[in-house]
Amino acid sequence: MPRSIPLVMSTRILLCDTADGLAQLQYALLRSGADLEIEAVTDGFRAVEVAARTQPAVVVIEIGLEGLAGAELVRRLLAVVPETRVLCWTAVPSPVAAAEVLGAGASGYLLKEDGSDAVLRAIRAVLLGSVALSHRVALQVAERFMSETTQRRELEMTLLETSERLDQLTNAKAEFLANVSHELRTPVTVAKGIAYVLKHRGIPEDEQDEFLDQLESSLEKLMTLVDEMLTIADLDRGALALKIAEVDVAPLLRHVADQLDRLYPDVVIDRVIPESLSVSADPVRFAEIVRQILDNACRYTTEDRPVEVRARSMDEGVVVSITDRGEGMERRTAAQAFSEPFSAGEEILRKERSGIGVGLHMARQLVVQHGGILWADPLPAGGTRVSFCLPHHVGERVTEQPDLAPEPPVGPPVEATPPDNVVPFAHPSSTASSS
């Protein structure tokens, strides 16, 4: 026999449920022996009407009824009887539904699986001003609260990281603009000076030719800078179309090496290039990849040490390796230079050598567009070997990094790199080290 509800005077109770639910509740309330006045309805609208007329102390409702139900039924009941206590006894085990009806003003949320005796205890609790909550729903609410708290904390951390990242990008772009201004000013200043000189008559013909060569060189550098910025913009938008075919890239490699020879006359560029080397590539963009990596190597190699360009055909594809003997670069800085535009490895590189900071990023993006991979071997003795591998045939992709055995350099001997000292750059993500 359940314990009776110790009420000192007759208490009005309104029940709103299905016929089966009403039968269970009425039986349990009658068995309690409490002095109760019970009204029963099976419709939400009818419940509001009866509540307005009888002013019950407690209303027990099933929120899953058709028609007027749920949080809206709770609000309407409290609108007509503000002092009543609304207790939900439902078959809906949802923490969201519990939060909605409790937020609407309900004093309790019980599940029918808790049994009708739980309703008797809950009526007593809500009349004393407490809130009654099913144990199962309470656990669900607690779990939901903890989950949302964790998610909120994670979102706050993500927002903080995004904010910091935005600051870094803002600083990087500001540095980029400063570098662009510096890089553009030099050829423009040279061209302007030569134009001024050539305006004056009486200059010997041999000196005129020399001035014109310098003017042409300055204008070519200017066009190269503009082309780099346009290319990186197309790559980042996914708007760059490659004209890929199976081509012999050996002449391209020698041509790019000759170009960089003229650009860096104080740097010796050693070549280990076969007579012919067939690969699937866009010839123009292939030359750009080699030019960017080789230019970077020439900028930062030690003055009395050569830069090496080595090309070979392997089972995985055609591999081109470019090795410098510079100071080397931290992995994090190198990864940033390859994976992000506007980064020139500024942590260790002298300002006058930094360039505009898009070359390495452009090289990696172009390699990925070709279906290839790019990676770097930091050399213990100083310097870096940057390599990339492109497929032999159109439509293929390089999926595995070739195993490059240590090879003696063409120039002065340098300590070999251990086989595991490799930082891969493969599509679609990268982690690298370069100088």
Protein backbone atom coordinates (compact mmCIF):
# COMPACT_ATOMS: atom_id res chain seq x y z
CA MET A 1 0.00 0.00 0.00
CA PRO A 2 1.60 3.33 -1.05
CA ARG A 3 2.12 6.00 1.57
CA SER A 4 -0.73 8.52 1.63
CA ILE A 5 -0.18 12.17 0.79
CA PRO A 6 -0.36 14.09 4.09
CA LEU A 7 -2.59 16.95 3.06
CA VAL A 8 -4.37 18.98 5.72
CA MET A 9 -7.30 19.89 3.50
CA SER A 10 -8.94 18.78 0.30
CA THR A 11 -6.64 19.33 -2.69
CA ARG A 12 -7.89 19.76 -6.26
CA ILE A 13 -6.01 17.70 -8.83
CA LEU A 14 -6.59 17.95 -12.60
CA LEU A 15 -5.45 15.02 -14.73
CA CYS A 16 -4.94 15.31 -18.51
CA ASP A 17 -3.90 12.09 -20.17
CA THR A 18 -5.00 9.24 -22.38
CA ALA A 19 -7.73 6.96 -21.09
CA ASP A 20 -5.18 4.33 -19.97
CA GLY A 21 -3.03 6.92 -18.26
CA LEU A 22 -6.02 8.42 -16.45
CA ALA A 23 -7.04 5.00 -15.22
CA GLN A 24 -3.61 4.34 -13.71
CA LEU A 25 -3.40 7.77 -12.06
CA GLN A 26 -6.90 7.76 -10.66
CA TYR A 27 -6.39 4.28 -9.20
CA ALA A 28 -3.09 5.30 -7.57
CA LEU A 29 -4.56 8.53 -6.13
CA LEU A 30 -7.59 6.76 -4.72
CA ARG A 31 -5.38 4.13 -3.09
CA SER A 32 -3.32 6.86 -1.43
CA GLY A 33 -6.16 7.75 0.94
CA ALA A 34 -5.52 11.48 0.51
CA ASP A 35 -8.37 13.97 0.56
CA LEU A 36 -8.35 14.85 -3.12
CA GLU A 37 -10.81 16.36 -5.57
CA ILE A 38 -9.95 14.87 -8.93
CA GLU A 39 -10.97 16.07 -12.38
CA ALA A 40 -9.94 14.12 -15.47
CA VAL A 41 -9.83 15.13 -19.16
CA THR A 42 -8.23 13.69 -22.28
CA ASP A 43 -7.78 16.89 -24.27
CA GLY A 44 -5.46 19.86 -23.81
CA PHE A 45 -8.03 22.49 -24.69
CA ARG A 46 -10.52 20.91 -22.30
CA ALA A 47 -7.83 20.88 -19.59
CA VAL A 48 -7.38 24.66 -19.90
CA GLU A 49 -11.16 25.21 -19.63
CA VAL A 50 -11.52 22.98 -16.56
CA ALA A 51 -8.45 24.52 -14.92
CA ALA A 52 -9.87 28.01 -15.36
CA ARG A 53 -13.09 26.88 -13.71
CA THR A 54 -11.78 24.67 -10.88
CA GLN A 55 -8.45 26.37 -10.07
CA PRO A 56 -6.59 23.11 -9.27
CA ALA A 57 -3.52 23.06 -7.01
CA VAL A 58 -1.78 20.54 -9.28
CA VAL A 59 -2.27 19.64 -12.94
CA VAL A 60 -0.77 16.35 -14.16
CA ILE A 61 -0.41 16.26 -17.96
CA GLU A 62 0.84 13.99 -20.72
CA ILE A 63 2.81 16.22 -23.12
CA GLY A 64 2.48 13.78 -26.03
CA LEU A 65 -1.25 14.27 -26.60
CA GLU A 66 -2.57 15.41 -29.96
CA GLY A 67 -3.69 19.00 -30.30
CA LEU A 68 -2.74 21.40 -27.54
CA ALA A 69 0.17 19.79 -25.67
CA GLY A 70 3.76 20.20 -24.55
CA ALA A 71 5.22 23.54 -23.53
CA GLU A 72 2.32 25.48 -25.03
CA LEU A 73 -0.18 23.59 -22.84
CA VAL A 74 1.94 24.39 -19.78
CA ARG A 75 1.97 28.09 -20.66
CA ARG A 76 -1.79 28.23 -21.17
CA LEU A 77 -2.52 26.41 -17.92
CA LEU A 78 -0.31 28.83 -16.00
CA ALA A 79 -1.93 31.75 -17.80
CA VAL A 80 -5.39 30.82 -16.44
CA VAL A 81 -4.19 29.47 -13.06
CA PRO A 82 -0.87 31.20 -12.18
CA GLU A 83 -0.67 29.53 -8.74
CA THR A 84 -1.06 25.96 -9.97
CA ARG A 85 1.77 23.44 -10.19
CA VAL A 86 2.06 21.66 -13.55
CA LEU A 87 3.54 18.18 -13.38
CA CYS A 88 4.36 16.30 -16.60
CA TRP A 89 3.93 12.52 -16.51
CA THR A 90 4.89 11.35 -19.98
CA ALA A 91 6.21 8.57 -22.16
CA VAL A 92 8.62 11.00 -23.87
CA PRO A 93 12.16 10.42 -22.42
CA SER A 94 13.68 13.54 -23.93
CA PRO A 95 15.92 16.02 -22.10
CA VAL A 96 15.05 18.58 -24.76
CA ALA A 97 11.31 18.18 -24.13
CA ALA A 98 11.97 18.32 -20.37
CA ALA A 99 13.92 21.55 -20.81
CA GLU A 100 11.12 23.05 -22.92
CA VAL A 101 8.28 22.33 -20.47
CA LEU A 102 10.37 23.27 -17.43
CA GLY A 103 11.33 26.45 -19.21
CA ALA A 104 7.63 27.10 -19.84
CA GLY A 105 7.00 26.90 -16.09
CA ALA A 106 6.31 23.24 -15.28
CA SER A 107 7.27 22.09 -11.78
CA GLY A 108 8.23 18.53 -12.66
CA TYR A 109 8.95 16.04 -15.42
CA LEU A 110 8.41 12.33 -14.78
CA LEU A 111 8.43 9.32 -17.06
CA LYS A 112 5.63 6.77 -17.08
CA GLU A 113 8.25 4.08 -16.68
CA ASP A 114 8.82 5.55 -13.18
CA GLY A 115 5.33 4.30 -12.20
CA SER A 116 2.28 6.02 -10.77
CA ASP A 117 3.72 5.99 -7.24
CA ALA A 118 6.36 8.44 -8.45
CA VAL A 119 3.54 10.82 -9.36
CA LEU A 120 2.23 10.69 -5.79
CA ARG A 121 5.65 11.62 -4.40
CA ALA A 122 6.05 14.33 -7.02
CA ILE A 123 2.69 15.93 -6.14
CA ARG A 124 3.81 16.18 -2.55
CA ALA A 125 7.16 17.71 -3.64
CA VAL A 126 5.74 20.33 -5.99
CA LEU A 127 3.13 21.41 -3.41
CA LEU A 128 6.04 22.11 -1.06
CA GLY A 129 7.74 24.22 -3.72
CA SER A 130 10.29 21.69 -5.02
CA VAL A 131 10.92 20.50 -8.56
CA ALA A 132 10.39 16.81 -9.40
CA LEU A 133 12.52 15.23 -12.10
CA SER A 134 12.75 11.65 -13.33
CA HIS A 135 16.09 10.03 -12.47
CA ARG A 136 16.63 8.98 -16.08
CA VAL A 137 15.81 12.42 -17.44
CA ALA A 138 17.99 14.04 -14.77
CA LEU A 139 20.94 11.95 -15.96
CA GLN A 140 20.21 12.87 -19.57
CA VAL A 141 19.98 16.56 -18.71
CA ALA A 142 23.26 16.35 -16.79
CA GLU A 143 24.97 14.60 -19.70
CA ARG A 144 23.55 17.15 -22.14
CA PHE A 145 24.71 20.00 -19.92
CA MET A 146 28.21 18.54 -19.64
CA SER A 147 28.33 17.91 -23.38
CA GLU A 148 27.21 21.45 -24.21
CA THR A 149 29.63 22.86 -21.64
CA THR A 150 32.45 20.90 -23.27
CA GLN A 151 31.34 21.99 -26.73
CA ARG A 152 31.17 25.59 -25.59
CA ARG A 153 34.67 25.34 -24.16
CA GLU A 154 35.92 23.80 -27.41
CA LEU A 155 34.18 26.51 -29.43
CA GLU A 156 35.78 29.17 -27.27
CA MET A 157 39.20 27.57 -27.82
CA THR A 158 38.53 27.33 -31.56
CA LEU A 159 37.43 30.95 -31.63
CA LEU A 160 40.58 31.96 -29.77
CA GLU A 161 42.77 29.95 -32.14
CA THR A 162 40.93 31.40 -35.14
CA SER A 163 41.40 34.90 -33.77
CA GLU A 164 45.11 34.27 -33.25
CA ARG A 165 45.34 32.73 -36.70
CA LEU A 166 43.62 35.77 -38.19
CA ASP A 167 46.13 38.02 -36.46
CA GLN A 168 48.96 35.92 -37.87
CA LEU A 169 47.51 36.11 -41.37
CA THR A 170 47.03 39.85 -41.02
CA ASN A 171 50.65 40.22 -39.97
CA ALA A 172 51.77 37.89 -42.77
CA LYS A 173 49.90 39.91 -45.37
CA ALA A 174 51.31 43.13 -43.96
CA GLU A 175 54.79 41.58 -44.25
CA PHE A 176 53.91 40.44 -47.75
CA LEU A 177 52.93 43.96 -48.78
CA ALA A 178 56.17 45.30 -47.33
CA ASN A 179 58.16 42.64 -49.24
CA VAL A 180 56.26 43.36 -52.46
CA SER A 181 56.96 47.06 -52.09
CA HIS A 182 60.66 46.31 -51.62
CA GLU A 183 60.83 43.82 -54.50
CA LEU A 184 58.90 46.05 -56.90
CA ARG A 185 60.78 49.20 -55.99
CA THR A 186 64.16 47.78 -57.05
CA PRO A 187 63.40 47.02 -60.73
CA VAL A 188 61.21 50.11 -61.03
CA THR A 189 64.00 52.32 -59.64
CA VAL A 190 66.55 50.75 -62.01
CA ALA A 191 64.23 51.17 -65.00
CA LYS A 192 63.47 54.75 -64.07
CA GLY A 193 67.18 55.59 -63.72
CA ILE A 194 68.07 53.99 -67.04
CA ALA A 195 65.22 55.81 -68.79
CA TYR A 196 66.53 59.09 -67.39
CA VAL A 197 70.07 58.35 -68.61
CA LEU A 198 68.94 57.28 -72.07
CA LYS A 199 67.02 60.52 -72.52
CA HIS A 200 70.33 62.38 -72.59
CA ARG A 201 72.30 62.25 -75.82
CA GLY A 202 75.98 61.61 -76.11
CA ILE A 203 76.06 58.20 -74.39
CA PRO A 204 78.42 55.76 -76.15
CA GLU A 205 76.64 53.03 -78.09
CA ASP A 206 78.22 50.20 -76.07
CA GLU A 207 76.99 51.81 -72.83
CA GLN A 208 73.53 52.23 -74.33
CA ASP A 209 73.40 48.50 -75.05
CA GLU A 210 74.46 47.77 -71.48
CA PHE A 211 71.78 50.09 -70.10
CA LEU A 212 69.15 48.50 -72.33
CA ASP A 213 70.13 45.03 -71.10
CA GLN A 214 69.75 46.21 -67.52
CA LEU A 215 66.37 47.76 -68.37
CA GLU A 216 65.18 44.53 -69.98
CA SER A 217 66.35 42.51 -66.96
CA SER A 218 64.53 44.85 -64.55
CA LEU A 219 61.32 44.66 -66.56
CA GLU A 220 61.54 40.85 -66.71
CA LYS A 221 61.90 40.73 -62.93
CA LEU A 222 58.91 43.01 -62.58
CA MET A 223 56.79 40.79 -64.84
CA THR A 224 57.92 37.69 -62.93
CA LEU A 225 56.73 39.19 -59.65
CA VAL A 226 53.35 40.07 -61.14
CA ASP A 227 52.99 36.60 -62.70
CA GLU A 228 53.78 34.95 -59.34
CA MET A 229 51.06 36.89 -57.56
CA LEU A 230 48.51 36.10 -60.30
CA THR A 231 49.44 32.40 -60.30
CA ILE A 232 49.12 32.01 -56.53
CA ALA A 233 45.73 33.76 -56.67
CA ASP A 234 44.52 31.32 -59.37
CA LEU A 235 45.85 28.34 -57.41
CA ASP A 236 44.09 29.36 -54.20
CA ARG A 237 40.83 29.88 -56.11
CA GLY A 238 41.19 26.57 -57.93
CA ALA A 239 41.06 28.46 -61.23
CA LEU A 240 44.41 27.41 -62.67
CA ALA A 241 44.11 25.05 -65.66
CA LEU A 242 47.14 22.89 -66.47
CA LYS A 243 48.04 21.68 -69.97
CA ILE A 244 49.46 18.30 -68.99
CA ALA A 245 51.18 16.03 -71.51
CA GLU A 246 54.06 13.55 -71.54
CA VAL A 247 57.08 15.76 -72.22
CA ASP A 248 60.87 15.59 -72.03
CA VAL A 249 61.77 17.87 -69.13
CA ALA A 250 65.56 17.45 -69.29
CA PRO A 251 65.97 20.52 -71.56
CA LEU A 252 63.64 22.49 -69.26
CA LEU A 253 65.77 21.64 -66.24
CA ARG A 254 68.95 22.75 -67.98
CA HIS A 255 67.28 25.94 -69.21
CA VAL A 256 66.03 26.91 -65.73
CA ALA A 257 69.48 26.18 -64.27
CA ASP A 258 71.05 28.43 -66.91
CA GLN A 259 68.56 31.20 -66.06
CA LEU A 260 69.40 31.02 -62.37
CA ASP A 261 73.11 30.92 -63.23
CA ARG A 262 72.74 34.35 -64.80
CA LEU A 263 70.56 35.64 -61.95
CA TYR A 264 73.00 34.44 -59.25
CA PRO A 265 76.47 34.65 -60.86
CA ASP A 266 78.20 34.05 -57.51
CA VAL A 267 76.41 30.72 -56.93
CA VAL A 268 77.69 27.55 -58.60
CA ILE A 269 74.80 25.32 -59.78
CA ASP A 270 75.88 21.70 -60.28
CA ARG A 271 73.69 19.60 -62.58
CA VAL A 272 73.07 15.87 -62.63
CA ILE A 273 70.47 15.67 -65.41
CA PRO A 274 70.06 12.80 -67.93
CA GLU A 275 69.95 13.48 -71.65
CA SER A 276 66.17 12.90 -71.73
CA LEU A 277 63.56 12.52 -69.01
CA SER A 278 59.90 11.90 -69.87
CA VAL A 279 57.24 12.95 -67.36
CA SER A 280 53.56 13.90 -67.24
CA ALA A 281 53.59 17.68 -66.77
CA ASP A 282 52.60 21.11 -67.97
CA PRO A 283 55.97 22.32 -69.34
CA VAL A 284 55.47 25.93 -68.32
CA ARG A 285 54.36 25.07 -64.79
CA PHE A 286 57.04 22.39 -64.41
CA ALA A 287 59.67 25.02 -65.17
CA GLU A 288 57.99 27.31 -62.61
CA ILE A 289 58.20 24.62 -59.90
CA VAL A 290 61.91 24.10 -60.52
CA ARG A 291 62.54 27.86 -60.78
CA GLN A 292 60.88 28.61 -57.44
CA ILE A 293 62.71 25.86 -55.52
CA LEU A 294 66.05 26.55 -57.21
CA ASP A 295 65.69 30.31 -56.68
CA ASN A 296 65.03 29.67 -53.00
CA ALA A 297 68.11 27.44 -52.77
CA CYS A 298 70.32 30.02 -54.49
CA ARG A 299 69.11 32.76 -52.15
CA TYR A 300 70.11 30.96 -48.99
CA THR A 301 73.01 28.67 -49.82
CA THR A 302 76.39 29.42 -48.28
CA GLU A 303 78.41 31.59 -50.66
CA ASP A 304 81.27 29.16 -51.15
CA ARG A 305 79.09 26.04 -51.51
CA PRO A 306 77.29 24.96 -54.69
CA VAL A 307 73.60 24.26 -55.24
CA GLU A 308 72.86 20.91 -56.82
CA VAL A 309 70.06 20.01 -59.28
CA ARG A 310 69.63 16.26 -59.67
CA ALA A 311 66.92 14.51 -61.75
CA ARG A 312 66.22 10.80 -62.14
CA SER A 313 63.54 8.37 -63.25
CA MET A 314 62.28 5.93 -60.60
CA ASP A 315 59.47 3.38 -60.36
CA GLU A 316 57.21 5.87 -58.56
CA GLY A 317 57.81 8.67 -61.08
CA VAL A 318 60.35 11.30 -62.09
CA VAL A 319 62.17 12.80 -59.10
CA VAL A 320 63.86 16.19 -59.11
CA SER A 321 65.99 17.12 -56.08
CA ILE A 322 67.49 20.54 -55.38
CA THR A 323 70.05 20.80 -52.57
CA ASP A 324 71.48 23.90 -50.95
CA ARG A 325 74.11 24.29 -48.19
CA GLY A 326 72.50 27.13 -46.24
CA GLU A 327 71.75 27.51 -42.55
CA GLY A 328 68.66 25.28 -42.70
CA MET A 329 65.23 26.08 -41.38
CA GLU A 330 63.09 24.94 -38.46
CA ARG A 331 60.45 22.39 -39.45
CA ARG A 332 57.59 24.64 -38.33
CA THR A 333 58.89 27.61 -40.32
CA ALA A 334 59.50 25.46 -43.39
CA ALA A 335 56.03 23.89 -43.19
CA GLN A 336 54.55 27.38 -43.00
CA ALA A 337 56.54 28.52 -46.05
CA PHE A 338 55.32 25.57 -48.13
CA SER A 339 51.71 25.46 -46.98
CA GLU A 340 50.90 29.18 -46.77
CA PRO A 341 51.38 32.12 -49.09
CA PHE A 342 53.01 35.34 -47.84
CA SER A 343 55.52 33.39 -45.69
CA ALA A 344 59.22 33.66 -46.47
CA GLY A 345 60.77 31.86 -43.51
CA GLU A 346 61.39 35.17 -41.80
CA GLU A 347 62.57 33.62 -38.53
CA ILE A 348 66.07 32.96 -39.85
CA LEU A 349 66.30 34.58 -43.29
CA ARG A 350 67.78 38.00 -43.80
CA LYS A 351 65.27 40.57 -44.97
CA GLU A 352 67.09 41.39 -48.20
CA ARG A 353 66.87 37.73 -49.24
CA SER A 354 63.29 36.95 -48.26
CA GLY A 355 61.52 37.69 -51.57
CA ILE A 356 57.75 38.21 -51.60
CA GLY A 357 57.02 34.93 -49.84
CA VAL A 358 54.86 33.02 -52.34
CA GLY A 359 57.41 30.88 -54.20
CA LEU A 360 57.57 27.76 -52.01
CA HIS A 361 53.82 27.73 -51.48
CA MET A 362 53.31 28.07 -55.23
CA ALA A 363 55.75 25.23 -55.95
CA ARG A 364 53.95 22.84 -53.60
CA GLN A 365 50.52 23.77 -54.98
CA LEU A 366 51.68 23.19 -58.54
CA VAL A 367 53.20 19.82 -57.63
CA VAL A 368 49.90 18.73 -56.06
CA GLN A 369 48.00 19.95 -59.14
CA HIS A 370 50.21 17.63 -61.23
CA GLY A 371 49.30 14.64 -59.03
CA GLY A 372 52.72 14.59 -57.44
CA ILE A 373 54.25 14.88 -53.99
CA LEU A 374 56.92 17.15 -52.53
CA TRP A 375 59.11 16.60 -49.48
CA ALA A 376 62.26 17.95 -47.85
CA ASP A 377 65.34 16.37 -46.24
CA PRO A 378 66.99 18.70 -43.69
CA LEU A 379 70.74 18.04 -43.82
CA PRO A 380 72.53 17.61 -40.48
CA ALA A 381 75.56 19.51 -41.78
CA GLY A 382 73.36 22.42 -42.81
CA GLY A 383 71.16 23.09 -45.76
CA THR A 384 68.17 21.30 -47.24
CA ARG A 385 67.37 18.96 -50.09
CA VAL A 386 63.90 19.66 -51.49
CA SER A 387 62.54 16.97 -53.81
CA PHE A 388 59.37 16.45 -55.79
CA CYS A 389 58.07 13.48 -57.75
CA LEU A 390 55.67 13.65 -60.71
CA PRO A 391 54.01 10.67 -62.45
CA HIS A 392 55.39 9.18 -65.65
CA HIS A 393 52.06 9.11 -67.53
CA VAL A 394 49.02 11.37 -67.89
CA GLY A 395 46.20 10.47 -65.48
CA GLU A 396 48.46 8.82 -62.91
CA ARG A 397 49.12 10.09 -59.38
CA VAL A 398 52.11 9.57 -57.14
CA THR A 399 50.85 7.93 -53.94
CA GLU A 400 54.11 6.87 -52.31
CA GLN A 401 57.29 8.80 -51.57
CA PRO A 402 60.28 7.31 -53.43
CA ASP A 403 63.07 5.92 -51.30
CA LEU A 404 66.06 8.09 -52.19
CA ALA A 405 69.32 6.47 -51.18
CA PRO A 406 71.95 8.95 -49.96
CA GLU A 407 74.07 10.07 -52.91
CA PRO A 408 77.42 11.86 -52.82
CA PRO A 409 77.07 15.48 -53.98
CA VAL A 410 78.80 16.72 -57.13
CA GLY A 411 80.46 19.59 -55.23
CA PRO A 412 82.43 19.44 -51.96
CA PRO A 413 81.42 16.50 -49.74
CA VAL A 414 78.56 17.05 -47.29
CA GLU A 415 77.43 14.75 -44.51
CA ALA A 416 74.71 12.41 -45.77
CA THR A 417 71.14 12.69 -44.48
CA PRO A 418 69.83 9.72 -42.41
CA PRO A 419 67.03 7.90 -44.27
CA ASP A 420 64.44 8.73 -41.60
CA ASN A 421 65.24 12.46 -41.57
CA VAL A 422 62.49 13.22 -44.08
CA VAL A 423 59.64 15.69 -43.90
CA PRO A 424 56.93 14.76 -46.47
CA PHE A 425 54.76 17.17 -48.43
CA ALA A 426 52.02 15.13 -50.11
CA HIS A 427 48.56 16.01 -51.38
CA PRO A 428 46.33 17.21 -49.78
CA SER A 429 48.35 18.41 -46.68
CA SER A 430 51.98 19.21 -46.01
CA THR A 431 54.71 19.38 -43.40
CA ALA A 432 58.17 20.46 -44.57
CA SER A 433 61.57 21.93 -43.92
CA SER A 434 63.39 24.12 -46.39
CA SER A 435 65.95 26.81 -46.45
